[in-house]
Protein backbone atom coordinates (compact mmCIF):
# COMPACT_ATOMS: atom_id res chain seq x y z
CA MET A 1 259.79 270.22 28.33
CA ALA A 2 260.13 270.23 32.67
CA ASN A 3 256.65 269.06 32.56
CA ASP A 4 256.68 265.96 29.87
CA GLY A 5 259.82 264.99 31.06
CA LYS A 6 258.21 264.08 34.16
CA ILE A 7 255.05 262.58 33.16
CA TYR A 8 257.92 260.34 30.58
CA ASN A 9 259.61 259.77 34.06
CA PHE A 10 256.14 258.53 35.97
CA ILE A 11 255.38 255.92 33.33
CA TYR A 12 258.83 254.68 33.33
CA LYS A 13 258.71 254.08 36.54
CA ASN A 14 256.01 252.36 36.62
CA ASN A 15 256.04 250.40 33.12
CA SER A 16 255.56 246.91 35.39
CA ASP A 17 251.83 249.05 36.84
CA LEU A 18 251.39 250.19 33.31
CA ASP A 19 252.05 246.96 32.03
CA LYS A 20 249.52 245.09 34.01
CA SER A 21 246.66 247.81 33.60
CA LEU A 22 247.64 246.74 29.82
CA LYS A 23 246.85 242.89 30.83
CA TYR A 24 243.72 243.48 32.86
CA GLY A 25 242.62 246.39 29.81
CA TYR A 26 242.95 243.41 26.94
CA LYS A 27 241.43 240.35 29.76
CA HIS A 28 238.37 242.21 29.88
CA ALA A 29 238.36 243.91 26.25
CA MET A 30 238.33 240.16 25.19
CA LYS A 31 236.03 239.31 27.58
CA PHE A 32 233.65 242.33 25.91
CA LEU A 33 233.49 241.04 22.26
CA LYS A 34 232.93 236.97 23.19
CA LEU A 35 229.24 238.30 25.16
CA ALA A 36 229.23 240.90 21.65
CA LEU A 37 229.84 237.35 19.44
CA THR A 38 227.61 235.70 21.91
CA ILE A 39 224.64 238.35 21.67
CA PHE A 40 225.03 240.12 18.18
CA CYS A 41 225.02 237.20 16.15
CA VAL A 42 220.94 236.98 14.54
CA GLY A 43 221.54 236.09 11.01
CA PHE A 44 224.51 233.75 11.59
CA ALA A 45 222.75 230.83 13.29
CA THR A 46 219.94 230.89 10.97
CA THR A 47 220.44 228.21 8.87
CA SER A 48 218.93 224.91 7.89
CA SER A 49 221.33 222.60 10.84
CA ALA A 50 220.50 225.86 13.24
CA LYS A 51 218.64 223.96 16.26
CA LEU A 52 216.86 226.83 17.99
CA LEU A 53 214.72 227.09 21.50
CA GLN A 54 212.75 229.60 22.60
CA ILE A 55 213.01 229.38 26.85
CA ILE A 56 209.79 231.51 28.56
CA HIS A 57 210.30 231.83 31.70
CA THR A 58 209.05 233.12 34.34
CA ASN A 59 209.55 233.15 38.82
CA ASP A 60 207.74 234.35 42.30
CA LEU A 61 204.14 234.47 40.76
CA HIS A 62 203.49 233.88 44.17
CA SER A 63 199.93 233.01 43.05
CA PHE A 64 199.34 236.37 42.03
CA PHE A 65 195.90 235.12 39.99
CA GLU A 66 194.86 238.63 38.91
CA GLY A 67 197.79 240.73 39.22
CA SER A 68 199.79 243.99 41.13
CA ARG A 69 198.45 246.07 42.48
CA THR A 70 199.54 248.01 40.33
CA GLY A 71 198.04 246.98 37.33
CA LYS A 72 201.05 244.58 35.74
CA GLY A 73 200.62 241.11 35.64
CA GLY A 74 197.60 238.34 35.35
CA TYR A 75 197.49 235.36 34.63
CA SER A 76 195.26 235.58 31.94
CA ARG A 77 197.10 238.43 30.04
CA ILE A 78 200.45 236.24 30.49
CA LYS A 79 198.18 233.17 28.71
CA THR A 80 198.09 235.60 26.00
CA LEU A 81 201.50 236.67 25.64
CA VAL A 82 203.33 233.15 26.65
CA ASP A 83 200.75 231.40 23.04
CA GLN A 84 201.27 234.76 20.88
CA LEU A 85 205.32 233.63 21.64
CA LYS A 86 205.12 229.81 20.81
CA SER A 87 202.89 231.11 18.32
CA ASP A 88 204.94 232.61 16.95
CA ALA A 89 208.51 230.24 16.96
CA LYS A 90 206.77 227.44 15.54
CA ALA A 91 206.00 228.97 12.34
CA LYS A 92 209.54 229.36 11.93
CA GLY A 93 210.40 226.19 12.93
CA ILE A 94 211.57 226.91 16.90
CA ARG A 95 210.44 224.94 19.40
CA THR A 96 210.04 226.34 23.11
CA LEU A 97 209.95 225.45 26.12
CA PHE A 98 208.28 227.23 29.32
CA LEU A 99 210.38 226.84 32.72
CA ASP A 100 208.93 228.66 35.87
CA ALA A 101 211.71 229.23 38.99
CA GLY A 102 209.06 228.60 41.74
CA ASP A 103 207.28 229.51 44.46
CA PHE A 104 204.33 229.89 42.53
CA GLY A 105 202.14 229.18 45.80
CA GLU A 106 201.94 230.74 48.94
CA GLY A 107 201.88 234.85 48.36
CA SER A 108 198.97 235.74 47.37
CA SER A 109 194.77 235.36 49.17
CA PHE A 110 194.18 233.08 45.79
CA TYR A 111 196.79 230.57 47.28
CA PHE A 112 193.69 229.97 49.72
CA SER A 113 191.83 228.76 46.47
CA ASN A 114 190.56 224.74 47.06
CA LYS A 115 193.83 224.83 49.71
CA GLY A 116 196.01 225.17 47.68
CA THR A 117 195.93 222.80 44.70
CA ASP A 118 194.60 225.91 42.09
CA ALA A 119 198.43 227.48 42.09
CA LEU A 120 199.45 224.42 41.27
CA ARG A 121 196.29 224.03 38.61
CA ALA A 122 197.57 227.15 37.01
CA LEU A 123 200.95 226.33 35.80
CA ASP A 124 199.09 224.16 33.66
CA LEU A 125 196.78 226.13 32.52
CA LEU A 126 199.61 229.38 31.77
CA GLY A 127 201.65 225.53 29.41
CA VAL A 128 204.26 225.56 31.91
CA ASP A 129 206.98 223.09 31.39
CA VAL A 130 208.51 222.88 33.92
CA THR A 131 209.06 224.13 37.87
CA VAL A 132 211.44 224.38 40.45
CA LEU A 133 210.15 224.03 44.20
CA GLY A 134 210.27 227.50 45.43
CA ASN A 135 210.24 228.06 49.76
CA HIS A 136 206.60 229.88 49.39
CA ASP A 137 205.74 225.57 47.83
CA PHE A 138 206.20 223.92 51.07
CA ILE A 139 204.80 226.61 53.25
CA THR A 140 202.52 224.51 54.55
CA GLY A 141 205.08 221.16 55.30
CA GLY A 142 205.92 218.66 52.24
CA THR A 143 203.36 215.99 53.49
CA ASP A 144 200.63 219.18 51.90
CA LEU A 145 202.58 219.30 49.05
CA SER A 146 202.04 215.96 48.02
CA ARG A 147 198.35 216.04 48.44
CA GLN A 148 198.38 219.55 47.00
CA ILE A 149 200.01 217.60 43.37
CA ASP A 150 197.68 214.70 43.49
CA GLU A 151 194.83 216.86 43.59
CA SER A 152 195.76 219.37 40.84
CA ASN A 153 197.18 216.43 38.68
CA LEU A 154 199.68 218.58 37.86
CA LYS A 155 201.39 217.78 34.51
CA ALA A 156 204.33 220.28 34.19
CA HIS A 157 207.46 218.36 36.00
CA LEU A 158 208.52 219.70 39.57
CA LEU A 159 212.16 219.39 40.39
CA SER A 160 214.31 220.19 43.74
CA ALA A 161 217.52 218.40 43.51
CA ASN A 162 218.66 219.25 47.15
CA LEU A 163 215.34 218.41 48.60
CA LYS A 164 216.20 215.52 50.78
CA GLY A 165 213.47 212.85 52.58
CA LYS A 166 210.90 212.60 50.16
CA PRO A 167 209.45 209.85 49.80
CA LEU A 168 209.12 209.54 53.75
CA MET A 169 206.45 213.05 52.06
CA GLY A 170 205.22 211.33 49.91
CA LEU A 171 207.30 213.02 46.74
CA GLY A 172 209.19 210.05 46.16
CA LYS A 173 208.75 209.76 42.24
CA LYS A 174 206.68 213.85 41.92
CA ILE A 175 209.37 215.49 42.68
CA LYS A 176 212.76 215.30 40.38
CA SER A 177 216.64 216.50 40.42
CA TYR A 178 215.97 217.06 36.42
CA VAL A 179 214.80 215.97 32.94
CA ASP A 180 215.63 215.90 29.81
CA TYR A 181 214.27 216.82 26.08
CA ASP A 182 215.30 216.29 23.00
CA LEU A 183 215.82 219.06 20.13
CA ASP A 184 216.81 217.55 17.09
CA GLY A 185 219.25 214.87 18.20
CA MET A 186 220.88 217.56 20.64
CA LYS A 187 220.73 216.81 24.30
CA ILE A 188 218.55 218.81 26.69
CA ARG A 189 218.58 218.65 30.80
CA ILE A 190 217.18 221.32 32.50
CA PHE A 191 217.90 220.55 36.60
CA GLY A 192 216.14 222.22 39.92
CA LEU A 193 218.05 223.26 42.99
CA THR A 194 215.79 224.93 46.27
CA THR A 195 216.63 227.25 48.14
CA PRO A 196 218.68 226.00 51.57
CA GLU A 197 218.53 229.20 53.77
CA VAL A 198 218.07 227.76 56.96
CA HIS A 199 214.81 229.56 57.90
CA TYR A 200 212.75 228.74 55.41
CA GLN A 201 213.26 224.98 56.19
CA TYR A 202 211.22 224.36 59.48
CA PRO A 203 208.38 223.12 57.52
CA LEU A 204 210.34 221.02 56.17
CA LEU A 205 210.65 218.95 59.21
CA PRO A 206 211.26 216.22 61.03
CA LYS A 207 211.01 214.77 57.27
CA GLY A 208 212.46 216.84 54.81
CA TYR A 209 215.23 219.20 54.57
CA ILE A 210 216.80 220.86 51.70
CA GLY A 211 220.96 220.18 51.22
CA HIS A 212 222.84 222.29 50.03
CA SER A 213 222.71 223.73 46.52
CA HIS A 214 225.94 225.23 45.19
CA ASN A 215 227.17 221.83 45.99
CA ARG A 216 224.56 219.57 44.30
CA GLY A 217 224.60 221.73 41.69
CA VAL A 218 228.43 221.68 41.07
CA ARG A 219 227.95 218.00 40.99
CA ILE A 220 224.77 217.57 38.75
CA ALA A 221 226.72 219.63 36.15
CA GLN A 222 229.66 217.83 36.40
CA LYS A 223 227.53 214.21 35.98
CA SER A 224 225.48 216.22 32.68
CA LYS A 225 228.61 216.76 31.44
CA LYS A 226 229.90 212.56 31.58
CA ASP A 227 225.72 212.00 29.76
CA GLY A 228 226.46 213.51 26.91
CA VAL A 229 224.20 216.74 27.46
CA ASP A 230 224.30 219.33 24.90
CA PHE A 231 222.76 221.82 26.85
CA LEU A 232 222.16 222.77 30.52
CA ILE A 233 219.43 225.20 31.84
CA ALA A 234 219.96 225.45 35.88
CA LEU A 235 216.35 226.39 37.10
CA THR A 236 216.53 227.82 40.12
CA HIS A 237 215.31 229.36 43.66
CA ILE A 238 218.44 230.05 45.32
CA GLY A 239 218.48 234.50 44.15
CA LEU A 240 221.00 236.00 42.04
CA ASP A 241 223.81 236.24 43.73
CA LYS A 242 224.10 232.76 44.14
CA ASP A 243 222.91 232.11 40.92
CA SER A 244 226.66 234.53 40.18
CA ILE A 245 228.48 231.48 42.13
CA LEU A 246 226.72 228.79 40.84
CA ALA A 247 227.38 229.88 37.00
CA SER A 248 231.56 231.02 37.93
CA HIS A 249 232.55 227.60 39.91
CA THR A 250 231.04 225.61 37.06
CA SER A 251 232.16 224.85 33.18
CA SER A 252 229.15 222.49 31.75
CA ILE A 253 225.98 224.79 33.24
CA SER A 254 224.90 226.66 29.63
CA MET A 255 222.35 228.96 31.39
CA ILE A 256 220.20 229.68 35.00
CA VAL A 257 217.30 230.69 34.82
CA GLY A 258 216.34 232.42 38.37
CA GLY A 259 213.69 233.05 40.94
CA HIS A 260 214.08 233.88 44.88
CA SER A 261 215.60 237.77 44.67
CA HIS A 262 212.35 239.11 42.89
CA THR A 263 215.24 240.56 40.09
CA ARG A 264 214.15 242.28 38.18
CA LEU A 265 216.69 241.81 34.65
CA ASP A 266 216.31 243.79 31.55
CA GLN A 267 218.98 241.76 29.89
CA PRO A 268 220.61 239.13 31.07
CA LYS A 269 223.11 239.05 33.99
CA MET A 270 226.54 237.49 32.13
CA VAL A 271 228.81 235.94 34.00
CA GLU A 272 232.22 234.13 33.18
CA ASN A 273 232.93 229.70 34.09
CA LEU A 274 235.43 227.62 34.86
CA ASN A 275 235.93 227.92 31.39
CA GLY A 276 236.53 231.51 30.76
CA ASP A 277 233.09 230.92 28.91
CA ILE A 278 229.74 233.55 29.26
CA ILE A 279 226.85 231.68 31.43
CA PRO A 280 223.76 234.29 30.89
CA ILE A 281 221.40 234.37 33.86
CA VAL A 282 217.99 236.16 33.14
CA GLN A 283 215.51 237.23 36.07
CA THR A 284 211.59 238.57 35.70
CA GLY A 285 211.69 240.39 38.90
CA ALA A 286 208.06 239.23 40.75
CA HIS A 287 203.98 238.36 40.62
CA GLY A 288 203.65 237.75 36.93
CA THR A 289 204.15 241.56 36.39
CA ALA A 290 207.25 240.77 33.35
CA ILE A 291 207.89 237.26 31.81
CA GLY A 292 210.97 236.78 29.90
CA SER A 293 211.51 234.67 26.36
CA LEU A 294 215.44 233.54 25.44
CA ILE A 295 215.84 232.12 21.77
CA VAL A 296 219.35 230.10 21.87
CA ASP A 297 221.24 227.97 18.72
CA VAL A 298 221.94 224.58 20.42
CA ILE A 299 225.36 224.14 18.54
CA GLY A 300 226.25 220.64 20.71
CA ASP A 301 228.79 219.64 23.63
CA GLY A 302 228.45 222.29 25.32
CA GLU A 303 227.93 225.30 22.65
CA TYR A 304 225.59 226.61 22.14
CA LYS A 305 224.52 231.00 20.75
CA LEU A 306 222.17 233.67 22.54
CA ILE A 307 220.30 234.69 19.68
CA ASP A 308 217.46 236.98 21.28
CA TYR A 309 216.42 238.19 24.57
CA ARG A 310 213.63 240.19 26.02
CA LEU A 311 211.52 240.79 29.19
CA TYR A 312 207.76 241.91 27.94
CA ASP A 313 205.60 244.08 30.47
CA ILE A 314 202.60 242.66 31.57
CA THR A 315 200.18 245.27 31.21
CA LYS A 316 196.33 245.98 30.51
CA GLU A 317 196.45 246.50 26.81
CA ILE A 318 197.59 242.09 26.32
CA SER A 319 193.72 240.96 26.11
CA GLU A 320 192.77 238.69 28.34
CA ASP A 321 192.80 234.39 28.10
CA ALA A 322 189.22 233.44 28.30
CA GLU A 323 189.92 230.02 29.65
CA VAL A 324 192.37 231.38 32.30
CA ARG A 325 189.89 234.15 32.94
CA THR A 326 186.99 231.25 34.04
CA PHE A 327 189.72 229.22 35.70
CA VAL A 328 190.61 233.02 38.07
CA ASP A 329 186.71 234.06 38.09
CA GLU A 330 186.37 230.51 40.34
CA ALA A 331 189.25 231.26 42.55
CA TYR A 332 187.60 234.66 43.25
CA ILE A 333 184.49 232.23 44.50
CA ASN A 334 187.15 229.44 45.77
CA ARG A 335 188.71 232.18 48.49
CA ASP A 336 185.10 233.25 49.63
CA ARG A 337 184.29 229.94 50.02
CA TYR A 338 186.96 229.37 52.71
CA PHE A 339 186.50 232.22 54.64
CA ASN A 340 182.97 231.75 54.60
CA ARG A 341 182.87 235.72 53.65
CA SER A 342 182.77 238.64 51.12
CA TRP A 343 186.24 239.34 49.91
CA THR A 344 184.94 242.95 49.75
CA GLU A 345 183.31 243.86 52.92
CA VAL A 346 184.48 247.75 53.88
CA ILE A 347 186.56 247.21 57.14
CA GLY A 348 187.16 251.55 57.24
CA PHE A 349 189.18 253.68 56.23
CA SER A 350 193.11 253.88 56.28
CA GLU A 351 194.65 258.16 55.33
CA ILE A 352 197.80 255.58 55.60
CA ASN A 353 198.60 253.03 53.59
CA LEU A 354 199.00 249.94 54.48
CA SER A 355 202.71 249.59 53.39
CA GLY A 356 204.06 245.62 51.98
CA LEU A 357 206.07 244.74 48.37
CA VAL A 358 205.09 246.58 45.26
CA GLU A 359 205.91 244.37 42.64
CA GLY A 360 207.08 242.16 44.47
CA ARG A 361 210.06 244.45 46.51
CA VAL A 362 209.37 246.16 49.93
CA LYS A 363 208.56 249.27 48.88
CA ASP A 364 209.19 251.83 52.03
CA ALA A 365 210.82 250.31 55.63
CA ARG A 366 209.70 251.10 58.63
CA THR A 367 206.11 252.57 57.60
CA CYS A 368 203.71 253.82 59.91
CA TRP A 369 201.95 251.06 58.74
CA SER A 370 204.80 249.13 60.26
CA GLY A 371 204.14 250.98 63.57
CA HIS A 372 200.70 250.27 63.45
CA ILE A 373 201.59 247.02 63.52
CA ALA A 374 204.09 246.61 65.81
CA ARG A 375 202.52 248.95 68.22
CA LEU A 376 199.24 245.84 68.69
CA THR A 377 201.44 243.57 68.32
CA ARG A 378 202.79 245.21 72.06
CA GLU A 379 199.09 245.68 73.36
CA THR A 380 198.31 242.38 72.21
CA ALA A 381 200.80 241.02 74.05
CA ARG A 382 200.85 243.02 77.32
CA THR A 383 204.85 243.54 76.77
CA ASP A 384 207.52 245.66 77.26
CA ILE A 385 208.39 245.99 73.25
CA SER A 386 207.32 244.28 69.53
CA VAL A 387 209.12 243.92 67.49
CA GLN A 388 207.40 244.02 63.67
CA PHE A 389 210.06 242.73 60.38
CA ASP A 390 208.29 244.08 56.72
CA LEU A 391 208.83 241.67 54.62
CA PHE A 392 206.65 239.83 56.61
CA GLN A 393 204.53 242.33 54.99
CA GLY A 394 202.43 241.19 51.80
CA GLU A 395 201.26 244.07 48.83
CA GLU A 396 200.95 247.27 50.01
CA ILE A 397 197.23 248.56 49.38
CA PRO A 398 196.27 252.11 48.68
CA MET A 399 195.34 254.31 51.44
CA GLY A 400 190.95 254.78 50.87
CA VAL A 401 188.53 252.33 52.28
CA ILE A 402 189.72 248.90 53.56
CA ARG A 403 187.77 245.63 52.62
CA PHE A 404 188.40 242.36 54.34
CA GLY A 405 190.36 240.97 51.37
CA ASP A 406 192.92 243.39 51.30
CA LEU A 407 193.84 242.65 55.57
CA VAL A 408 194.71 239.10 53.84
CA ASP A 409 196.50 240.80 50.87
CA ASN A 410 198.70 242.73 52.63
CA PHE A 411 199.77 240.25 55.62
CA PRO A 412 198.95 236.21 54.12
CA HIS A 413 200.81 234.20 56.33
CA PHE A 414 199.32 231.53 57.93
CA ARG A 415 200.61 227.90 59.09
CA ARG A 416 197.22 225.53 58.77
CA TRP A 417 194.84 225.79 57.03
CA GLY A 418 192.00 226.96 59.05
CA ASP A 419 194.07 229.32 60.74
CA GLN A 420 193.10 232.64 60.92
CA GLY A 421 196.60 233.66 60.07
CA TRP A 422 199.46 233.37 62.25
CA ASN A 423 199.43 234.66 66.02
CA ILE A 424 201.65 236.10 68.89
CA THR A 425 203.68 234.95 71.69
CA ARG A 426 205.58 236.91 74.10
CA SER A 427 208.93 235.12 75.18
CA TYR A 428 211.32 236.60 77.95
CA ILE A 429 215.07 238.05 76.83
CA THR A 430 217.87 239.41 78.45
CA GLY A 431 218.97 242.87 78.29
CA LEU A 432 222.05 241.89 77.17
CA VAL A 433 220.02 240.36 74.41
CA LEU A 434 217.98 242.79 73.50
CA THR A 435 220.90 245.22 73.07
CA GLN A 436 222.48 242.76 70.54
CA LEU A 437 219.76 242.55 68.97
CA LEU A 438 218.78 246.29 68.67
CA LYS A 439 223.03 246.70 67.05
CA TYR A 440 222.38 244.13 64.56
CA LEU A 441 219.07 245.54 63.39
CA GLY A 442 220.55 248.92 63.30
CA SER A 443 224.31 247.82 61.66
CA GLY A 444 225.01 247.68 57.73
CA ASN A 445 224.52 250.52 54.54
CA GLU A 446 220.75 250.66 56.07
CA PRO A 447 219.12 249.56 58.95
CA PHE A 448 216.99 246.32 59.32
CA ASP A 449 213.43 247.35 58.09
CA ALA A 450 212.15 246.58 61.54
CA SER A 451 209.58 248.60 63.70
CA LEU A 452 210.03 248.51 67.03
CA ASP A 453 207.10 249.39 69.86
CA GLY A 454 208.04 250.53 73.72
CA LEU A 455 211.23 252.08 73.14
CA LYS A 456 212.07 255.14 73.58
CA VAL A 457 215.12 257.80 73.81
CA TRP A 458 215.72 261.15 75.25
CA ASP A 459 215.41 263.50 72.66
CA LYS A 460 217.65 266.46 73.82
CA GLU A 461 215.97 269.74 71.65
CA ARG A 462 212.55 269.03 72.12
CA ARG A 463 213.87 267.74 76.18
CA ARG A 464 211.10 264.61 75.53
CA THR A 465 211.13 260.96 74.91
CA VAL A 466 210.88 259.70 71.38
CA ALA A 467 210.65 256.59 69.66
CA TYR A 468 213.44 254.56 69.37
CA VAL A 469 213.79 253.81 66.01
CA ASN A 470 217.20 251.17 64.57
CA GLY A 471 219.72 252.96 62.94
CA LEU A 472 218.90 256.22 63.59
CA HIS A 473 219.79 256.17 67.11
CA LEU A 474 222.15 253.47 69.02
CA PRO A 475 220.87 250.86 71.38
CA GLU A 476 223.25 252.11 74.39
CA GLU A 477 220.82 255.25 74.26
CA ALA A 478 217.12 252.40 74.77
CA LEU A 479 215.00 253.84 76.90
CA ILE A 480 211.54 251.12 78.65
CA ASP A 481 209.82 252.91 80.52
CA GLY A 482 212.07 255.52 80.93
CA GLU A 483 214.97 253.72 82.25
CA LYS A 484 217.86 252.51 80.41
CA ILE A 485 218.63 248.57 79.48
CA ASN A 486 220.07 246.26 81.91
CA ASN A 487 222.11 243.67 80.89
CA PHE A 488 220.74 241.69 83.80
CA GLN A 489 217.42 241.70 83.83
CA PHE A 490 214.58 240.41 81.92
CA TYR A 491 212.13 241.54 79.70
CA SER A 492 208.73 240.94 77.66
CA VAL A 493 208.80 240.95 73.50
CA ALA A 494 206.06 240.13 71.57
CA LEU A 495 206.85 238.52 67.79
CA PRO A 496 205.03 237.58 65.46
CA SER A 497 204.40 233.61 66.29
CA GLU A 498 206.42 231.67 63.75
CA ILE A 499 209.88 233.13 64.67
CA PRO A 500 209.72 230.91 68.31
CA TYR A 501 208.06 228.17 66.34
CA ALA A 502 210.74 227.94 63.78
CA LEU A 503 213.64 228.29 66.05
CA GLY A 504 211.52 225.59 68.15
CA LYS A 505 211.94 223.45 64.78
CA MET A 506 215.58 223.65 64.01
CA LEU A 507 217.75 224.90 66.60
CA PRO A 508 215.13 224.55 70.16
CA VAL A 509 218.40 224.75 72.50
CA ILE A 510 218.93 228.11 70.82
CA ARG A 511 215.32 229.18 70.97
CA ASP A 512 215.47 228.19 75.14
CA LEU A 513 218.49 230.35 75.30
CA LEU A 514 217.40 233.62 73.75
CA LEU A 515 213.78 233.36 73.50
CA VAL A 516 212.91 232.44 77.96
CA ASN A 517 209.33 231.02 77.66
CA SER A 518 207.45 231.63 75.01
CA GLU A 519 204.30 231.24 74.76
CA LYS A 520 201.33 231.88 72.48
CA ILE A 521 198.53 234.52 73.35
CA GLU A 522 195.49 233.28 72.84
CA ASP A 523 193.21 235.33 70.56
CA SER A 524 195.50 236.70 68.49
CA ASN A 525 195.33 236.05 64.98
CA PHE A 526 196.28 238.74 63.06
CA TRP A 527 193.61 238.92 60.69
CA PRO A 528 190.64 239.35 63.17
CA LEU A 529 193.27 241.72 65.51
CA PHE A 530 193.44 244.24 61.97
CA GLU A 531 190.37 244.05 61.46
CA ASN A 532 189.55 244.94 65.03
CA TYR A 533 192.14 247.77 65.43
CA ILE A 534 190.81 249.38 61.88
CA VAL A 535 187.40 249.16 63.10
CA LYS A 536 188.66 250.86 66.09
CA ASN A 537 190.82 253.67 64.68
CA SER A 538 189.34 254.40 61.24
CA PRO A 539 189.86 256.48 60.08
CA LEU A 540 194.11 255.03 60.53
CA LYS A 541 196.65 257.53 60.88
CA CYS A 542 200.20 257.54 61.60
CA LEU A 543 201.49 257.74 65.38
CA GLU A 544 202.21 260.60 67.33
CA ASN A 545 205.38 259.71 68.94
């Protein structure tokens, strides 16, 4: 009885907390009920009055025409499945819209087929109705994007409501803010948003830039409500986190089809908007390894029911569409023609993976291959240290025979057509700036995915110096040529050229303060450097400390 009394008194004394808990539980129970009613209403909306719409979606294709080296993906298989889904929906009287959430361009070596034009041609071959501009789609600048659109004779609608300076880049009539469709008298509007992150802006400068995505999205949602839009879709390339914020700060957006963060969502992420309604956000991952199919019943005046959602893996069991297969085969030839050499020419052999992205995600950070790139960068520039960022690497290449094309696929970055990849820049930074950089790279729950060369630390147990690893060692322990970092001394650092170049276009004063006397190293393009390095060091193994 004594124990029962203690429990009773505890509950009685804390009844205000209990009341709060009950209210909290009730609120979230209602959310769950609303979500359940939203999803599990199939069979209740298939009457003659239903306005059913199928939305097929992809994102972050990155010109992976042939698919991933894991065996998933491939445009010819995507086309087969898309056509099948469209056919099945049509037989049931359901209309289909195919939406792509951006980054259809740079990222794979197939982007070099017809200088980017084929990346846009592929969208029409796949049957895409609407796409949004991603940051990798204007990597060669807005004017060159205008050329690609003209040469591809793009039929799909290309959107970006927050792209500024369109007329100056020849994009005034080629990129819209939104597009409207009529669904049996229901007004469907799709608007596009591009990521405004500052480090992606530089290819557009000085003629254009990307404005604030959130503010623009909110304004378009408000305008759409005044325009009598019945179903508003945000087609975004801003990433899942920003999609969630956008959904929660509006009351008119019906759903978000997203990209940029390469997030695979097997089920929609549900976010509550300002009205307390549940808004689905969908995304398929990256590189065409999966596509999504969502069916909704558009009721009108912003109301709808989510009938079904499925994410389909693109596997080898799916047959290849003949027309798209021919297109990809031609792209092989166009790619070889661009490089003026055989894509399959053997360069050497590696006993380690040339690390990179696996189905659009960084699989391993600070690997043996990252260390090799950092070493090669430092030796080429003859600097004290070098930094290699793992996020710059392309697709992972398995250990074994390394061919010329593997080098490009592993690092598919360039600035202008005709370049042999990025090159290397030598800059000078003070010890104080270097120490702050090391703190930044090692901060957070997980250290930044960067490999350093030229820095050592003293290992007391082994009584010798070993390589400095950000996150594992402290900046105060770092040694350069056996000496601790002097805050007032200048040190030379080798970086991929795009870092000081981008800083110079966006924030020249900041660049000159942080990276002093930046100069490009002659004959330092990455693809020839990689080729010579692998030939010289074949078979490639991990570096010794």
